[in-house]
PDB file of N, CA and C in Angstrom:
ATOM      1  N   MET A   1      -7.233  45.519  91.782  1.00  0.00           N
ATOM      2  CA  MET A   1      -6.935  45.561  93.194  1.00  0.00           C
ATOM      3  C   MET A   1      -5.436  45.799  93.357  1.00  0.00           C
ATOM      4  N   LEU A   2      -5.096  46.795  94.159  1.00  0.00           N
ATOM      5  CA  LEU A   2      -3.695  47.120  94.418  1.00  0.00           C
ATOM      6  C   LEU A   2      -3.310  46.646  95.813  1.00  0.00           C
ATOM      7  N   THR A   3      -2.417  45.679  95.896  1.00  0.00           N
ATOM      8  CA  THR A   3      -1.935  45.222  97.201  1.00  0.00           C
ATOM      9  C   THR A   3      -0.591  45.875  97.489  1.00  0.00           C
ATOM     10  N   ASP A   4      -0.321  46.116  98.751  1.00  0.00           N
ATOM     11  CA  ASP A   4       0.916  46.756  99.207  1.00  0.00           C
ATOM     12  C   ASP A   4       1.152  48.107  98.544  1.00  0.00           C
ATOM     13  N   ALA A   5       0.070  48.830  98.257  1.00  0.00           N
ATOM     14  CA  ALA A   5       0.186  50.155  97.640  1.00  0.00           C
ATOM     15  C   ALA A   5       0.167  51.227  98.716  1.00  0.00           C
ATOM     16  N   LEU A   6       0.980  52.247  98.533  1.00  0.00           N
ATOM     17  CA  LEU A   6       0.988  53.383  99.452  1.00  0.00           C
ATOM     18  C   LEU A   6      -0.185  54.286  99.109  1.00  0.00           C
ATOM     19  N   VAL A   7      -1.024  54.560 100.121  1.00  0.00           N
ATOM     20  CA  VAL A   7      -2.195  55.407  99.967  1.00  0.00           C
ATOM     21  C   VAL A   7      -2.031  56.585 100.920  1.00  0.00           C
ATOM     22  N   GLU A   8      -2.246  57.794 100.409  1.00  0.00           N
ATOM     23  CA  GLU A   8      -2.041  59.002 101.217  1.00  0.00           C
ATOM     24  C   GLU A   8      -3.336  59.788 101.356  1.00  0.00           C
ATOM     25  N   LEU A   9      -3.513  60.406 102.526  1.00  0.00           N
ATOM     26  CA  LEU A   9      -4.574  61.378 102.725  1.00  0.00           C
ATOM     27  C   LEU A   9      -3.931  62.739 102.555  1.00  0.00           C
ATOM     28  N   SER A  10      -4.342  63.458 101.514  1.00  0.00           N
ATOM     29  CA  SER A  10      -3.772  64.768 101.210  1.00  0.00           C
ATOM     30  C   SER A  10      -4.860  65.820 101.360  1.00  0.00           C
ATOM     31  N   CYS A  11      -4.550  66.864 102.139  1.00  0.00           N
ATOM     32  CA  CYS A  11      -5.502  67.952 102.360  1.00  0.00           C
ATOM     33  C   CYS A  11      -4.832  69.265 101.972  1.00  0.00           C
ATOM     34  N   GLY A  12      -5.427  69.939 101.013  1.00  0.00           N
ATOM     35  CA  GLY A  12      -4.854  71.201 100.549  1.00  0.00           C
ATOM     36  C   GLY A  12      -3.454  71.040  99.994  1.00  0.00           C
ATOM     37  N   GLY A  13      -3.156  69.880  99.435  1.00  0.00           N
ATOM     38  CA  GLY A  13      -1.835  69.619  98.862  1.00  0.00           C
ATOM     39  C   GLY A  13      -0.800  69.105  99.846  1.00  0.00           C
ATOM     40  N   ASN A  14      -1.163  68.969 101.115  1.00  0.00           N
ATOM     41  CA  ASN A  14      -0.246  68.461 102.142  1.00  0.00           C
ATOM     42  C   ASN A  14      -0.648  67.053 102.554  1.00  0.00           C
ATOM     43  N   VAL A  15       0.314  66.133 102.574  1.00  0.00           N
ATOM     44  CA  VAL A  15       0.030  64.774 103.021  1.00  0.00           C
ATOM     45  C   VAL A  15      -0.125  64.788 104.541  1.00  0.00           C
ATOM     46  N   ILE A  16      -1.296  64.365 105.003  1.00  0.00           N
ATOM     47  CA  ILE A  16      -1.616  64.345 106.436  1.00  0.00           C
ATOM     48  C   ILE A  16      -1.168  63.037 107.070  1.00  0.00           C
ATOM     49  N   THR A  17      -1.448  61.925 106.386  1.00  0.00           N
ATOM     50  CA  THR A  17      -1.079  60.602 106.880  1.00  0.00           C
ATOM     51  C   THR A  17      -1.136  59.620 105.708  1.00  0.00           C
ATOM     52  N   SER A  18      -0.656  58.426 105.948  1.00  0.00           N
ATOM     53  CA  SER A  18      -0.656  57.426 104.870  1.00  0.00           C
ATOM     54  C   SER A  18      -0.878  56.035 105.446  1.00  0.00           C
ATOM     55  N   ALA A  19      -1.136  55.095 104.550  1.00  0.00           N
ATOM     56  CA  ALA A  19      -1.330  53.690 104.917  1.00  0.00           C
ATOM     57  C   ALA A  19      -0.913  52.848 103.722  1.00  0.00           C
ATOM     58  N   VAL A  20      -0.832  51.537 103.949  1.00  0.00           N
ATOM     59  CA  VAL A  20      -0.501  50.586 102.887  1.00  0.00           C
ATOM     60  C   VAL A  20      -1.677  49.633 102.744  1.00  0.00           C
ATOM     61  N   THR A  21      -2.076  49.353 101.508  1.00  0.00           N
ATOM     62  CA  THR A  21      -3.206  48.455 101.283  1.00  0.00           C
ATOM     63  C   THR A  21      -2.838  47.020 101.655  1.00  0.00           C
ATOM     64  N   ASN A  22      -3.844  46.259 102.079  1.00  0.00           N
ATOM     65  CA  ASN A  22      -3.621  44.857 102.453  1.00  0.00           C
ATOM     66  C   ASN A  22      -3.805  43.948 101.238  1.00  0.00           C
ATOM     67  N   ALA A  23      -3.850  42.660 101.461  1.00  0.00           N
ATOM     68  CA  ALA A  23      -3.960  41.678 100.373  1.00  0.00           C
ATOM     69  C   ALA A  23      -5.264  41.821  99.585  1.00  0.00           C
ATOM     70  N   GLN A  24      -6.282  42.431 100.205  1.00  0.00           N
ATOM     71  CA  GLN A  24      -7.550  42.647  99.519  1.00  0.00           C
ATOM     72  C   GLN A  24      -7.637  44.046  98.895  1.00  0.00           C
ATOM     73  N   GLY A  25      -6.554  44.830  99.005  1.00  0.00           N
ATOM     74  CA  GLY A  25      -6.553  46.185  98.465  1.00  0.00           C
ATOM     75  C   GLY A  25      -7.222  47.201  99.373  1.00  0.00           C
ATOM     76  N   ARG A  26      -7.484  46.822 100.623  1.00  0.00           N
ATOM     77  CA  ARG A  26      -8.156  47.711 101.585  1.00  0.00           C
ATOM     78  C   ARG A  26      -7.141  48.404 102.472  1.00  0.00           C
ATOM     79  N   PHE A  27      -7.565  49.523 103.046  1.00  0.00           N
ATOM     80  CA  PHE A  27      -6.694  50.280 103.941  1.00  0.00           C
ATOM     81  C   PHE A  27      -7.542  51.031 104.961  1.00  0.00           C
ATOM     82  N   ASN A  28      -6.917  51.387 106.077  1.00  0.00           N
ATOM     83  CA  ASN A  28      -7.549  52.206 107.114  1.00  0.00           C
ATOM     84  C   ASN A  28      -6.633  53.374 107.409  1.00  0.00           C
ATOM     85  N   ILE A  29      -7.215  54.536 107.540  1.00  0.00           N
ATOM     86  CA  ILE A  29      -6.472  55.735 107.928  1.00  0.00           C
ATOM     87  C   ILE A  29      -7.210  56.354 109.105  1.00  0.00           C
ATOM     88  N   THR A  30      -6.485  56.683 110.160  1.00  0.00           N
ATOM     89  CA  THR A  30      -7.062  57.327 111.338  1.00  0.00           C
ATOM     90  C   THR A  30      -6.601  58.775 111.372  1.00  0.00           C
ATOM     91  N   VAL A  31      -7.547  59.680 111.591  1.00  0.00           N
ATOM     92  CA  VAL A  31      -7.250  61.112 111.609  1.00  0.00           C
ATOM     93  C   VAL A  31      -7.830  61.718 112.882  1.00  0.00           C
ATOM     94  N   ASN A  32      -7.057  62.558 113.536  1.00  0.00           N
ATOM     95  CA  ASN A  32      -7.523  63.289 114.709  1.00  0.00           C
ATOM     96  C   ASN A  32      -8.476  64.393 114.235  1.00  0.00           C
ATOM     97  N   PRO A  33      -9.746  64.360 114.675  1.00  0.00           N
ATOM     98  CA  PRO A  33     -10.712  65.363 114.204  1.00  0.00           C
ATOM     99  C   PRO A  33     -10.387  66.782 114.666  1.00  0.00           C
ATOM    100  N   LEU A  34      -9.550  66.929 115.668  1.00  0.00           N
ATOM    101  CA  LEU A  34      -9.130  68.269 116.084  1.00  0.00           C
ATOM    102  C   LEU A  34      -8.103  68.845 115.113  1.00  0.00           C
ATOM    103  N   ARG A  35      -7.380  67.961 114.446  1.00  0.00           N
ATOM    104  CA  ARG A  35      -6.377  68.390 113.463  1.00  0.00           C
ATOM    105  C   ARG A  35      -7.002  68.643 112.093  1.00  0.00           C
ATOM    106  N   VAL A  36      -7.914  67.757 111.701  1.00  0.00           N
ATOM    107  CA  VAL A  36      -8.594  67.882 110.400  1.00  0.00           C
ATOM    108  C   VAL A  36     -10.091  67.656 110.630  1.00  0.00           C
ATOM    109  N   PRO A  37     -10.866  68.734 110.738  1.00  0.00           N
ATOM    110  CA  PRO A  37     -12.311  68.590 110.964  1.00  0.00           C
ATOM    111  C   PRO A  37     -13.012  67.907 109.785  1.00  0.00           C
ATOM    112  N   LEU A  38     -14.170  67.311 110.061  1.00  0.00           N
ATOM    113  CA  LEU A  38     -14.926  66.590 109.044  1.00  0.00           C
ATOM    114  C   LEU A  38     -15.210  67.465 107.827  1.00  0.00           C
ATOM    115  N   ALA A  39     -15.578  68.709 108.033  1.00  0.00           N
ATOM    116  CA  ALA A  39     -15.882  69.598 106.900  1.00  0.00           C
ATOM    117  C   ALA A  39     -14.675  69.725 105.968  1.00  0.00           C
ATOM    118  N   ASN A  40     -13.477  69.811 106.538  1.00  0.00           N
ATOM    119  CA  ASN A  40     -12.265  69.903 105.717  1.00  0.00           C
ATOM    120  C   ASN A  40     -11.992  68.589 105.000  1.00  0.00           C
ATOM    121  N   LEU A  41     -12.196  67.449 105.678  1.00  0.00           N
ATOM    122  CA  LEU A  41     -11.987  66.145 105.050  1.00  0.00           C
ATOM    123  C   LEU A  41     -12.858  66.006 103.800  1.00  0.00           C
ATOM    124  N   LEU A  42     -14.091  66.499 103.898  1.00  0.00           N
ATOM    125  CA  LEU A  42     -15.025  66.345 102.793  1.00  0.00           C
ATOM    126  C   LEU A  42     -14.816  67.373 101.680  1.00  0.00           C
ATOM    127  N   SER A  43     -14.243  68.526 102.015  1.00  0.00           N
ATOM    128  CA  SER A  43     -14.124  69.581 101.000  1.00  0.00           C
ATOM    129  C   SER A  43     -12.735  69.697 100.382  1.00  0.00           C
ATOM    130  N   SER A  44     -11.684  69.518 101.174  1.00  0.00           N
ATOM    131  CA  SER A  44     -10.346  69.819 100.637  1.00  0.00           C
ATOM    132  C   SER A  44      -9.366  68.650 100.693  1.00  0.00           C
ATOM    133  N   CYS A  45      -9.844  67.476 101.059  1.00  0.00           N
ATOM    134  CA  CYS A  45      -8.946  66.324 101.172  1.00  0.00           C
ATOM    135  C   CYS A  45      -9.237  65.298 100.081  1.00  0.00           C
ATOM    136  N   ARG A  46      -8.208  64.553  99.749  1.00  0.00           N
ATOM    137  CA  ARG A  46      -8.296  63.503  98.734  1.00  0.00           C
ATOM    138  C   ARG A  46      -7.496  62.290  99.193  1.00  0.00           C
ATOM    139  N   ILE A  47      -7.910  61.126  98.733  1.00  0.00           N
ATOM    140  CA  ILE A  47      -7.105  59.918  98.888  1.00  0.00           C
ATOM    141  C   ILE A  47      -6.304  59.787  97.593  1.00  0.00           C
ATOM    142  N   ILE A  48      -5.010  59.612  97.729  1.00  0.00           N
ATOM    143  CA  ILE A  48      -4.124  59.488  96.571  1.00  0.00           C
ATOM    144  C   ILE A  48      -3.372  58.166  96.671  1.00  0.00           C
ATOM    145  N   VAL A  49      -3.427  57.377  95.611  1.00  0.00           N
ATOM    146  CA  VAL A  49      -2.628  56.152  95.537  1.00  0.00           C
ATOM    147  C   VAL A  49      -1.258  56.581  95.020  1.00  0.00           C
ATOM    148  N   ALA A  50      -0.275  56.623  95.929  1.00  0.00           N
ATOM    149  CA  ALA A  50       1.053  57.138  95.595  1.00  0.00           C
ATOM    150  C   ALA A  50       1.921  56.118  94.863  1.00  0.00           C
ATOM    151  N   THR A  51       1.597  54.849  95.008  1.00  0.00           N
ATOM    152  CA  THR A  51       2.356  53.805  94.318  1.00  0.00           C
ATOM    153  C   THR A  51       2.050  53.873  92.820  1.00  0.00           C
ATOM    154  N   PRO A  52       3.077  53.920  91.973  1.00  0.00           N
ATOM    155  CA  PRO A  52       2.818  53.963  90.527  1.00  0.00           C
ATOM    156  C   PRO A  52       1.988  52.768  90.070  1.00  0.00           C
ATOM    157  N   LEU A  53       1.017  53.023  89.203  1.00  0.00           N
ATOM    158  CA  LEU A  53       0.140  51.954  88.719  1.00  0.00           C
ATOM    159  C   LEU A  53       0.920  50.888  87.974  1.00  0.00           C
ATOM    160  N   SER A  54       2.020  51.284  87.333  1.00  0.00           N
ATOM    161  CA  SER A  54       2.834  50.330  86.575  1.00  0.00           C
ATOM    162  C   SER A  54       3.466  49.271  87.474  1.00  0.00           C
ATOM    163  N   THR A  55       3.492  49.514  88.793  1.00  0.00           N
ATOM    164  CA  THR A  55       4.003  48.525  89.737  1.00  0.00           C
ATOM    165  C   THR A  55       3.125  47.272  89.713  1.00  0.00           C
ATOM    166  N   CYS A  56       1.841  47.464  89.503  1.00  0.00           N
ATOM    167  CA  CYS A  56       0.896  46.343  89.471  1.00  0.00           C
ATOM    168  C   CYS A  56       0.779  45.737  88.082  1.00  0.00           C
ATOM    169  N   ASN A  57       0.856  46.606  87.075  1.00  0.00           N
ATOM    170  CA  ASN A  57       0.688  46.135  85.701  1.00  0.00           C
ATOM    171  C   ASN A  57       1.396  47.135  84.785  1.00  0.00           C
ATOM    172  N   ALA A  58       2.413  46.675  84.085  1.00  0.00           N
ATOM    173  CA  ALA A  58       3.236  47.558  83.252  1.00  0.00           C
ATOM    174  C   ALA A  58       2.449  48.213  82.118  1.00  0.00           C
ATOM    175  N   THR A  59       1.271  47.689  81.788  1.00  0.00           N
ATOM    176  CA  THR A  59       0.496  48.268  80.691  1.00  0.00           C
ATOM    177  C   THR A  59      -0.419  49.410  81.145  1.00  0.00           C
ATOM    178  N   LEU A  60      -0.505  49.641  82.444  1.00  0.00           N
ATOM    179  CA  LEU A  60      -1.352  50.726  82.945  1.00  0.00           C
ATOM    180  C   LEU A  60      -0.709  52.079  82.663  1.00  0.00           C
ATOM    181  N   PRO A  61      -1.520  53.120  82.479  1.00  0.00           N
ATOM    182  CA  PRO A  61      -0.975  54.440  82.154  1.00  0.00           C
ATOM    183  C   PRO A  61      -0.237  55.078  83.325  1.00  0.00           C
ATOM    184  N   THR A  62       0.589  56.061  83.009  1.00  0.00           N
ATOM    185  CA  THR A  62       1.300  56.825  84.037  1.00  0.00           C
ATOM    186  C   THR A  62       0.330  57.822  84.666  1.00  0.00           C
ATOM    187  N   GLY A  63       0.408  57.979  85.959  1.00  0.00           N
ATOM    188  CA  GLY A  63      -0.455  58.909  86.672  1.00  0.00           C
ATOM    189  C   GLY A  63      -0.784  58.360  88.046  1.00  0.00           C
ATOM    190  N   THR A  64      -1.610  59.074  88.782  1.00  0.00           N
ATOM    191  CA  THR A  64      -2.018  58.620  90.108  1.00  0.00           C
ATOM    192  C   THR A  64      -3.538  58.525  90.167  1.00  0.00           C
ATOM    193  N   LEU A  65      -4.014  57.613  90.987  1.00  0.00           N
ATOM    194  CA  LEU A  65      -5.438  57.510  91.257  1.00  0.00           C
ATOM    195  C   LEU A  65      -5.760  58.420  92.434  1.00  0.00           C
ATOM    196  N   GLN A  66      -6.823  59.212  92.298  1.00  0.00           N
ATOM    197  CA  GLN A  66      -7.234  60.116  93.357  1.00  0.00           C
ATOM    198  C   GLN A  66      -8.739  60.043  93.529  1.00  0.00           C
ATOM    199  N   ALA A  67      -9.191  60.213  94.776  1.00  0.00           N
ATOM    200  CA  ALA A  67     -10.624  60.166  95.058  1.00  0.00           C
ATOM    201  C   ALA A  67     -10.981  61.131  96.170  1.00  0.00           C
ATOM    202  N   GLN A  68     -12.178  61.711  96.075  1.00  0.00           N
ATOM    203  CA  GLN A  68     -12.714  62.501  97.164  1.00  0.00           C
ATOM    204  C   GLN A  68     -13.246  61.545  98.224  1.00  0.00           C
ATOM    205  N   LEU A  69     -13.594  62.108  99.384  1.00  0.00           N
ATOM    206  CA  LEU A  69     -14.126  61.301 100.481  1.00  0.00           C
ATOM    207  C   LEU A  69     -15.611  61.563 100.659  1.00  0.00           C
ATOM    208  N   GLN A  70     -16.319  60.519 101.097  1.00  0.00           N
ATOM    209  CA  GLN A  70     -17.743  60.638 101.387  1.00  0.00           C
ATOM    210  C   GLN A  70     -18.003  60.070 102.774  1.00  0.00           C
ATOM    211  N   PHE A  71     -18.785  60.782 103.564  1.00  0.00           N
ATOM    212  CA  PHE A  71     -19.183  60.335 104.901  1.00  0.00           C
ATOM    213  C   PHE A  71     -20.267  59.282 104.764  1.00  0.00           C
ATOM    214  N   VAL A  72     -20.099  58.121 105.442  1.00  0.00           N
ATOM    215  CA  VAL A  72     -21.103  57.061 105.339  1.00  0.00           C
ATOM    216  C   VAL A  72     -21.733  56.660 106.676  1.00  0.00           C
ATOM    217  N   GLY A  73     -21.184  57.124 107.795  1.00  0.00           N
ATOM    218  CA  GLY A  73     -21.814  56.771 109.057  1.00  0.00           C
ATOM    219  C   GLY A  73     -20.939  56.990 110.271  1.00  0.00           C
ATOM    220  N   THR A  74     -21.552  56.802 111.431  1.00  0.00           N
ATOM    221  CA  THR A  74     -20.883  56.976 112.716  1.00  0.00           C
ATOM    222  C   THR A  74     -21.067  55.718 113.543  1.00  0.00           C
ATOM    223  N   THR A  75     -19.989  55.307 114.219  1.00  0.00           N
ATOM    224  CA  THR A  75     -20.036  54.182 115.146  1.00  0.00           C
ATOM    225  C   THR A  75     -19.683  54.723 116.524  1.00  0.00           C
ATOM    226  N   ILE A  76     -20.470  54.376 117.528  1.00  0.00           N
ATOM    227  CA  ILE A  76     -20.208  54.819 118.902  1.00  0.00           C
ATOM    228  C   ILE A  76     -19.541  53.675 119.650  1.00  0.00           C
ATOM    229  N   ARG A  77     -18.397  53.960 120.240  1.00  0.00           N
ATOM    230  CA  ARG A  77     -17.686  52.991 121.092  1.00  0.00           C
ATOM    231  C   ARG A  77     -17.370  53.672 122.413  1.00  0.00           C
ATOM    232  N   GLY A  78     -18.207  53.409 123.403  1.00  0.00           N
ATOM    233  CA  GLY A  78     -18.040  54.079 124.686  1.00  0.00           C
ATOM    234  C   GLY A  78     -18.269  55.566 124.510  1.00  0.00           C
ATOM    235  N   LEU A  79     -17.272  56.363 124.884  1.00  0.00           N
ATOM    236  CA  LEU A  79     -17.371  57.814 124.735  1.00  0.00           C
ATOM    237  C   LEU A  79     -16.848  58.299 123.385  1.00  0.00           C
ATOM    238  N   LEU A  80     -16.401  57.378 122.560  1.00  0.00           N
ATOM    239  CA  LEU A  80     -15.760  57.713 121.296  1.00  0.00           C
ATOM    240  C   LEU A  80     -16.736  57.583 120.128  1.00  0.00           C
ATOM    241  N   SER A  81     -16.791  58.613 119.293  1.00  0.00           N
ATOM    242  CA  SER A  81     -17.569  58.554 118.050  1.00  0.00           C
ATOM    243  C   SER A  81     -16.587  58.351 116.905  1.00  0.00           C
ATOM    244  N   ILE A  82     -16.768  57.284 116.148  1.00  0.00           N
ATOM    245  CA  ILE A  82     -15.891  56.980 115.024  1.00  0.00           C
ATOM    246  C   ILE A  82     -16.663  57.267 113.739  1.00  0.00           C
ATOM    247  N   LEU A  83     -16.147  58.216 112.958  1.00  0.00           N
ATOM    248  CA  LEU A  83     -16.779  58.561 111.690  1.00  0.00           C
ATOM    249  C   LEU A  83     -16.173  57.699 110.596  1.00  0.00           C
ATOM    250  N   THR A  84     -17.004  57.166 109.734  1.00  0.00           N
ATOM    251  CA  THR A  84     -16.524  56.340 108.633  1.00  0.00           C
ATOM    252  C   THR A  84     -16.670  57.112 107.331  1.00  0.00           C
ATOM    253  N   LEU A  85     -15.550  57.239 106.629  1.00  0.00           N
ATOM    254  CA  LEU A  85     -15.516  57.894 105.324  1.00  0.00           C
ATOM    255  C   LEU A  85     -14.971  56.898 104.317  1.00  0.00           C
ATOM    256  N   VAL A  86     -15.418  56.991 103.095  1.00  0.00           N
ATOM    257  CA  VAL A  86     -14.925  56.106 102.045  1.00  0.00           C
ATOM    258  C   VAL A  86     -14.516  56.944 100.834  1.00  0.00           C
ATOM    259  N   PRO A  87     -13.509  56.473 100.099  1.00  0.00           N
ATOM    260  CA  PRO A  87     -13.155  57.169  98.862  1.00  0.00           C
ATOM    261  C   PRO A  87     -14.221  56.880  97.801  1.00  0.00           C
ATOM    262  N   ILE A  88     -14.533  57.893  97.019  1.00  0.00           N
ATOM    263  CA  ILE A  88     -15.517  57.707  95.953  1.00  0.00           C
ATOM    264  C   ILE A  88     -14.938  58.149  94.616  1.00  0.00           C
ATOM    265  N   ARG A  89     -15.307  57.437  93.580  1.00  0.00           N
ATOM    266  CA  ARG A  89     -14.940  57.793  92.208  1.00  0.00           C
ATOM    267  C   ARG A  89     -13.445  58.041  92.030  1.00  0.00           C
ATOM    268  N   PHE A  90     -12.634  57.019  92.206  1.00  0.00           N
ATOM    269  CA  PHE A  90     -11.211  57.166  91.899  1.00  0.00           C
ATOM    270  C   PHE A  90     -11.065  57.581  90.448  1.00  0.00           C
ATOM    271  N   GLN A  91     -10.215  58.566  90.206  1.00  0.00           N
ATOM    272  CA  GLN A  91      -9.954  59.040  88.850  1.00  0.00           C
ATOM    273  C   GLN A  91      -8.470  59.038  88.603  1.00  0.00           C
ATOM    274  N   LEU A  92      -8.081  58.779  87.371  1.00  0.00           N
ATOM    275  CA  LEU A  92      -6.678  58.823  86.987  1.00  0.00           C
ATOM    276  C   LEU A  92      -6.304  60.277  86.718  1.00  0.00           C
ATOM    277  N   VAL A  93      -5.278  60.754  87.430  1.00  0.00           N
ATOM    278  CA  VAL A  93      -4.774  62.106  87.241  1.00  0.00           C
ATOM    279  C   VAL A  93      -3.380  61.995  86.644  1.00  0.00           C
ATOM    280  N   VAL A  94      -3.220  62.526  85.446  1.00  0.00           N
ATOM    281  CA  VAL A  94      -1.947  62.401  84.725  1.00  0.00           C
ATOM    282  C   VAL A  94      -1.085  63.617  84.961  1.00  0.00           C
TER     283      VAL A  94
END
């Protein structure tokens, strides 16, 4: 579990937005669907843990953790549809 880690949403190699993980290692990122449509989020975007892994444990290898996104559901709040995506299969990229 990585606490206080910088997590970035990168699409096509460009960082769109970022967040910091909480004490449980969780994070939330909000994206305007007009700026980044769902199809693009699922095909060309990745979650990247930008904080070096050695910050948490000096014995961890050098590299970044990266994961694709998966759509898991929609929540309706009034006139607003909130899409929920989760990172899947974090991999170490050296």
